[in-house]
Amino acid sequence: VGAYFPHRVTYHPTCHSLRMLGVG
């Protein structure tokens, strides 16, 4: 999407997004 963010990040998949919506 043309983003720039020069940092170390970690991602938490929230329950509803992961289980209810299945965003994968």
PDB file of all heavy atoms in Angstrom:
ATOM      1  N   VAL A   1       0.823  -1.216   0.000  1.00  0.00           N
ATOM      2  CA  VAL A   1       0.000   0.000   0.000  1.00  0.00           C
ATOM      3  C   VAL A   1       0.854   1.261   0.000  1.00  0.00           C
ATOM      4  O   VAL A   1       0.356   2.362   0.215  1.00  0.00           O
ATOM      5  CB  VAL A   1      -0.964   0.011   1.203  1.00  0.00           C
ATOM      6  CG1 VAL A   1      -1.922  -1.169   1.143  1.00  0.00           C
ATOM      7  CG2 VAL A   1      -0.187   0.014   2.530  1.00  0.00           C
ATOM      8  N   GLY A   2       2.167   1.089  -0.222  1.00  0.00           N
ATOM      9  CA  GLY A   2       3.049   2.246  -0.279  1.00  0.00           C
ATOM     10  C   GLY A   2       3.462   2.774   1.076  1.00  0.00           C
ATOM     11  O   GLY A   2       3.834   3.944   1.209  1.00  0.00           O
ATOM     12  N   ALA A   3       3.417   1.917   2.095  1.00  0.00           N
ATOM     13  CA  ALA A   3       3.748   2.356   3.453  1.00  0.00           C
ATOM     14  C   ALA A   3       5.243   2.261   3.732  1.00  0.00           C
ATOM     15  O   ALA A   3       5.968   1.479   3.109  1.00  0.00           O
ATOM     16  CB  ALA A   3       2.981   1.515   4.472  1.00  0.00           C
ATOM     17  N   TYR A   4       5.677   3.064   4.693  1.00  0.00           N
ATOM     18  CA  TYR A   4       7.070   3.080   5.134  1.00  0.00           C
ATOM     19  C   TYR A   4       7.072   3.199   6.652  1.00  0.00           C
ATOM     20  O   TYR A   4       6.507   4.141   7.212  1.00  0.00           O
ATOM     21  CB  TYR A   4       7.800   4.267   4.516  1.00  0.00           C
ATOM     22  CG  TYR A   4       9.214   4.483   5.041  1.00  0.00           C
ATOM     23  CD1 TYR A   4      10.262   3.673   4.623  1.00  0.00           C
ATOM     24  CD2 TYR A   4       9.495   5.531   5.927  1.00  0.00           C
ATOM     25  CE1 TYR A   4      11.544   3.871   5.095  1.00  0.00           C
ATOM     26  CE2 TYR A   4      10.781   5.738   6.405  1.00  0.00           C
ATOM     27  CZ  TYR A   4      11.809   4.912   5.988  1.00  0.00           C
ATOM     28  OH  TYR A   4      13.082   5.115   6.454  1.00  0.00           O
ATOM     29  N   PHE A   5       7.682   2.222   7.331  1.00  0.00           N
ATOM     30  CA  PHE A   5       7.695   2.214   8.792  1.00  0.00           C
ATOM     31  C   PHE A   5       8.938   1.466   9.241  1.00  0.00           C
ATOM     32  O   PHE A   5       8.926   0.247   9.417  1.00  0.00           O
ATOM     33  CB  PHE A   5       6.434   1.535   9.331  1.00  0.00           C
ATOM     34  CG  PHE A   5       6.206   1.742  10.801  1.00  0.00           C
ATOM     35  CD1 PHE A   5       5.741   2.953  11.294  1.00  0.00           C
ATOM     36  CD2 PHE A   5       6.453   0.711  11.703  1.00  0.00           C
ATOM     37  CE1 PHE A   5       5.531   3.141  12.652  1.00  0.00           C
ATOM     38  CE2 PHE A   5       6.244   0.878  13.064  1.00  0.00           C
ATOM     39  CZ  PHE A   5       5.779   2.107  13.539  1.00  0.00           C
ATOM     40  N   PRO A   6      10.062   2.171   9.425  1.00  0.00           N
ATOM     41  CA  PRO A   6      11.348   1.511   9.715  1.00  0.00           C
ATOM     42  C   PRO A   6      11.513   1.108  11.181  1.00  0.00           C
ATOM     43  O   PRO A   6      12.317   1.660  11.914  1.00  0.00           O
ATOM     44  CB  PRO A   6      12.362   2.586   9.317  1.00  0.00           C
ATOM     45  CG  PRO A   6      11.658   3.872   9.628  1.00  0.00           C
ATOM     46  CD  PRO A   6      10.213   3.631   9.312  1.00  0.00           C
ATOM     47  N   HIS A   7      10.725   0.109  11.595  1.00  0.00           N
ATOM     48  CA  HIS A   7      10.775  -0.341  12.987  1.00  0.00           C
ATOM     49  C   HIS A   7      10.561  -1.849  13.064  1.00  0.00           C
ATOM     50  O   HIS A   7      10.041  -2.465  12.136  1.00  0.00           O
ATOM     51  CB  HIS A   7       9.698   0.375  13.820  1.00  0.00           C
ATOM     52  CG  HIS A   7       9.857   1.859  13.876  1.00  0.00           C
ATOM     53  ND1 HIS A   7      10.777   2.489  14.681  1.00  0.00           N
ATOM     54  CD2 HIS A   7       9.213   2.841  13.182  1.00  0.00           C
ATOM     55  CE1 HIS A   7      10.697   3.794  14.506  1.00  0.00           C
ATOM     56  NE2 HIS A   7       9.761   4.032  13.610  1.00  0.00           N
ATOM     57  N   ARG A   8      10.941  -2.417  14.204  1.00  0.00           N
ATOM     58  CA  ARG A   8      10.701  -3.829  14.477  1.00  0.00           C
ATOM     59  C   ARG A   8       9.316  -3.972  15.098  1.00  0.00           C
ATOM     60  O   ARG A   8       9.038  -3.360  16.142  1.00  0.00           O
ATOM     61  CB  ARG A   8      11.763  -4.398  15.420  1.00  0.00           C
ATOM     62  CG  ARG A   8      13.194  -4.274  14.922  1.00  0.00           C
ATOM     63  CD  ARG A   8      14.180  -4.994  15.835  1.00  0.00           C
ATOM     64  NE  ARG A   8      14.011  -4.632  17.238  1.00  0.00           N
ATOM     65  CZ  ARG A   8      14.512  -3.543  17.802  1.00  0.00           C
ATOM     66  NH1 ARG A   8      15.220  -2.675  17.076  1.00  0.00           N
ATOM     67  NH2 ARG A   8      14.322  -3.294  19.084  1.00  0.00           N
ATOM     68  N   VAL A   9       8.467  -4.777  14.477  1.00  0.00           N
ATOM     69  CA  VAL A   9       7.114  -4.938  14.991  1.00  0.00           C
ATOM     70  C   VAL A   9       6.772  -6.413  15.123  1.00  0.00           C
ATOM     71  O   VAL A   9       7.366  -7.270  14.468  1.00  0.00           O
ATOM     72  CB  VAL A   9       6.063  -4.242  14.093  1.00  0.00           C
ATOM     73  CG1 VAL A   9       6.463  -2.809  13.775  1.00  0.00           C
ATOM     74  CG2 VAL A   9       5.850  -5.019  12.800  1.00  0.00           C
ATOM     75  N   THR A  10       5.805  -6.687  15.982  1.00  0.00           N
ATOM     76  CA  THR A  10       5.254  -8.025  16.094  1.00  0.00           C
ATOM     77  C   THR A  10       3.738  -7.895  16.034  1.00  0.00           C
ATOM     78  O   THR A  10       3.175  -6.894  16.472  1.00  0.00           O
ATOM     79  CB  THR A  10       5.718  -8.736  17.381  1.00  0.00           C
ATOM     80  OG1 THR A  10       5.385 -10.127  17.310  1.00  0.00           O
ATOM     81  CG2 THR A  10       5.109  -8.119  18.631  1.00  0.00           C
ATOM     82  N   TYR A  11       3.084  -8.899  15.470  1.00  0.00           N
ATOM     83  CA  TYR A  11       1.650  -8.811  15.198  1.00  0.00           C
ATOM     84  C   TYR A  11       0.855  -9.783  16.060  1.00  0.00           C
ATOM     85  O   TYR A  11       1.164 -10.983  16.130  1.00  0.00           O
ATOM     86  CB  TYR A  11       1.384  -9.100  13.714  1.00  0.00           C
ATOM     87  CG  TYR A  11      -0.076  -9.233  13.384  1.00  0.00           C
ATOM     88  CD1 TYR A  11      -0.907  -8.116  13.342  1.00  0.00           C
ATOM     89  CD2 TYR A  11      -0.636 -10.484  13.119  1.00  0.00           C
ATOM     90  CE1 TYR A  11      -2.257  -8.236  13.054  1.00  0.00           C
ATOM     91  CE2 TYR A  11      -1.988 -10.618  12.822  1.00  0.00           C
ATOM     92  CZ  TYR A  11      -2.791  -9.491  12.792  1.00  0.00           C
ATOM     93  OH  TYR A  11      -4.126  -9.623  12.514  1.00  0.00           O
ATOM     94  N   HIS A  12      -0.193  -9.264  16.704  1.00  0.00           N
ATOM     95  CA  HIS A  12      -1.117 -10.100  17.478  1.00  0.00           C
ATOM     96  C   HIS A  12      -2.411 -10.283  16.700  1.00  0.00           C
ATOM     97  O   HIS A  12      -3.134  -9.315  16.456  1.00  0.00           O
ATOM     98  CB  HIS A  12      -1.426  -9.444  18.828  1.00  0.00           C
ATOM     99  CG  HIS A  12      -2.615 -10.054  19.530  1.00  0.00           C
ATOM    100  ND1 HIS A  12      -2.654 -11.390  19.868  1.00  0.00           N
ATOM    101  CD2 HIS A  12      -3.800  -9.506  19.942  1.00  0.00           C
ATOM    102  CE1 HIS A  12      -3.822 -11.641  20.475  1.00  0.00           C
ATOM    103  NE2 HIS A  12      -4.527 -10.525  20.512  1.00  0.00           N
ATOM    104  N   PRO A  13      -2.742 -11.520  16.276  1.00  0.00           N
ATOM    105  CA  PRO A  13      -4.003 -11.766  15.570  1.00  0.00           C
ATOM    106  C   PRO A  13      -5.148 -11.866  16.572  1.00  0.00           C
ATOM    107  O   PRO A  13      -5.221 -12.814  17.350  1.00  0.00           O
ATOM    108  CB  PRO A  13      -3.753 -13.107  14.862  1.00  0.00           C
ATOM    109  CG  PRO A  13      -2.752 -13.805  15.727  1.00  0.00           C
ATOM    110  CD  PRO A  13      -1.911 -12.731  16.381  1.00  0.00           C
ATOM    111  N   THR A  14      -6.016 -10.893  16.582  1.00  0.00           N
ATOM    112  CA  THR A  14      -7.098 -10.868  17.564  1.00  0.00           C
ATOM    113  C   THR A  14      -8.091 -12.002  17.320  1.00  0.00           C
ATOM    114  O   THR A  14      -8.252 -12.474  16.198  1.00  0.00           O
ATOM    115  CB  THR A  14      -7.830  -9.517  17.528  1.00  0.00           C
ATOM    116  OG1 THR A  14      -8.445  -9.344  16.259  1.00  0.00           O
ATOM    117  CG2 THR A  14      -6.844  -8.372  17.755  1.00  0.00           C
ATOM    118  N   CYS A  15      -8.772 -12.407  18.370  1.00  0.00           N
ATOM    119  CA  CYS A  15      -9.613 -13.606  18.306  1.00  0.00           C
ATOM    120  C   CYS A  15     -10.701 -13.520  17.246  1.00  0.00           C
ATOM    121  O   CYS A  15     -10.906 -14.461  16.471  1.00  0.00           O
ATOM    122  CB  CYS A  15     -10.251 -13.864  19.670  1.00  0.00           C
ATOM    123  SG  CYS A  15      -9.093 -14.452  20.923  1.00  0.00           S
ATOM    124  N   HIS A  16     -11.447 -12.423  17.229  1.00  0.00           N
ATOM    125  CA  HIS A  16     -12.549 -12.333  16.270  1.00  0.00           C
ATOM    126  C   HIS A  16     -12.056 -12.272  14.831  1.00  0.00           C
ATOM    127  O   HIS A  16     -12.678 -12.846  13.928  1.00  0.00           O
ATOM    128  CB  HIS A  16     -13.424 -11.116  16.589  1.00  0.00           C
ATOM    129  CG  HIS A  16     -14.360 -11.362  17.725  1.00  0.00           C
ATOM    130  ND1 HIS A  16     -15.177 -10.394  18.244  1.00  0.00           N
ATOM    131  CD2 HIS A  16     -14.603 -12.480  18.458  1.00  0.00           C
ATOM    132  CE1 HIS A  16     -15.900 -10.905  19.238  1.00  0.00           C
ATOM    133  NE2 HIS A  16     -15.554 -12.169  19.380  1.00  0.00           N
ATOM    134  N   SER A  17     -10.956 -11.578  14.606  1.00  0.00           N
ATOM    135  CA  SER A  17     -10.428 -11.526  13.242  1.00  0.00           C
ATOM    136  C   SER A  17      -9.911 -12.896  12.814  1.00  0.00           C
ATOM    137  O   SER A  17     -10.088 -13.303  11.662  1.00  0.00           O
ATOM    138  CB  SER A  17      -9.318 -10.476  13.123  1.00  0.00           C
ATOM    139  OG  SER A  17      -8.191 -10.844  13.894  1.00  0.00           O
ATOM    140  N   LEU A  18      -9.312 -13.599  13.745  1.00  0.00           N
ATOM    141  CA  LEU A  18      -8.717 -14.899  13.425  1.00  0.00           C
ATOM    142  C   LEU A  18      -9.766 -15.995  13.309  1.00  0.00           C
ATOM    143  O   LEU A  18      -9.761 -16.780  12.352  1.00  0.00           O
ATOM    144  CB  LEU A  18      -7.701 -15.266  14.512  1.00  0.00           C
ATOM    145  CG  LEU A  18      -6.887 -16.537  14.303  1.00  0.00           C
ATOM    146  CD1 LEU A  18      -5.950 -16.374  13.122  1.00  0.00           C
ATOM    147  CD2 LEU A  18      -6.090 -16.862  15.570  1.00  0.00           C
ATOM    148  N   ARG A  19     -10.694 -16.035  14.282  1.00  0.00           N
ATOM    149  CA  ARG A  19     -11.624 -17.161  14.361  1.00  0.00           C
ATOM    150  C   ARG A  19     -12.991 -16.867  13.746  1.00  0.00           C
ATOM    151  O   ARG A  19     -13.567 -17.719  13.080  1.00  0.00           O
ATOM    152  CB  ARG A  19     -11.793 -17.573  15.830  1.00  0.00           C
ATOM    153  CG  ARG A  19     -10.487 -18.073  16.445  1.00  0.00           C
ATOM    154  CD  ARG A  19     -10.604 -18.342  17.933  1.00  0.00           C
ATOM    155  NE  ARG A  19      -9.386 -18.932  18.446  1.00  0.00           N
ATOM    156  CZ  ARG A  19      -8.329 -18.240  18.858  1.00  0.00           C
ATOM    157  NH1 ARG A  19      -8.354 -16.907  18.812  1.00  0.00           N
ATOM    158  NH2 ARG A  19      -7.253 -18.843  19.317  1.00  0.00           N
ATOM    159  N   MET A  20     -13.531 -15.688  13.981  1.00  0.00           N
ATOM    160  CA  MET A  20     -14.862 -15.373  13.465  1.00  0.00           C
ATOM    161  C   MET A  20     -14.827 -14.965  11.996  1.00  0.00           C
ATOM    162  O   MET A  20     -15.678 -15.366  11.203  1.00  0.00           O
ATOM    163  CB  MET A  20     -15.513 -14.272  14.298  1.00  0.00           C
ATOM    164  CG  MET A  20     -16.942 -13.958  13.895  1.00  0.00           C
ATOM    165  SD  MET A  20     -17.712 -12.691  14.948  1.00  0.00           S
ATOM    166  CE  MET A  20     -18.075 -13.660  16.416  1.00  0.00           C
ATOM    167  N   LEU A  21     -13.824 -14.155  11.624  1.00  0.00           N
ATOM    168  CA  LEU A  21     -13.739 -13.678  10.248  1.00  0.00           C
ATOM    169  C   LEU A  21     -12.810 -14.520   9.385  1.00  0.00           C
ATOM    170  O   LEU A  21     -12.941 -14.537   8.165  1.00  0.00           O
ATOM    171  CB  LEU A  21     -13.256 -12.219  10.229  1.00  0.00           C
ATOM    172  CG  LEU A  21     -14.165 -11.195  10.893  1.00  0.00           C
ATOM    173  CD1 LEU A  21     -13.564  -9.801  10.754  1.00  0.00           C
ATOM    174  CD2 LEU A  21     -15.563 -11.228  10.308  1.00  0.00           C
ATOM    175  N   GLY A  22     -11.829 -15.161   9.989  1.00  0.00           N
ATOM    176  CA  GLY A  22     -10.899 -15.970   9.216  1.00  0.00           C
ATOM    177  C   GLY A  22      -9.991 -15.146   8.321  1.00  0.00           C
ATOM    178  O   GLY A  22      -9.762 -15.522   7.168  1.00  0.00           O
ATOM    179  N   VAL A  23      -9.466 -14.022   8.835  1.00  0.00           N
ATOM    180  CA  VAL A  23      -8.627 -13.163   7.986  1.00  0.00           C
ATOM    181  C   VAL A  23      -7.286 -13.806   7.655  1.00  0.00           C
ATOM    182  O   VAL A  23      -6.587 -13.370   6.733  1.00  0.00           O
ATOM    183  CB  VAL A  23      -8.388 -11.775   8.636  1.00  0.00           C
ATOM    184  CG1 VAL A  23      -9.694 -11.056   8.884  1.00  0.00           C
ATOM    185  CG2 VAL A  23      -7.570 -11.893   9.919  1.00  0.00           C
ATOM    186  N   GLY A  24      -6.911 -14.842   8.390  1.00  0.00           N
ATOM    187  CA  GLY A  24      -5.685 -15.565   8.065  1.00  0.00           C
ATOM    188  C   GLY A  24      -4.455 -14.694   8.082  1.00  0.00           C
ATOM    189  O   GLY A  24      -4.235 -13.916   9.007  1.00  0.00           O
TER     190      GLY A  24
END
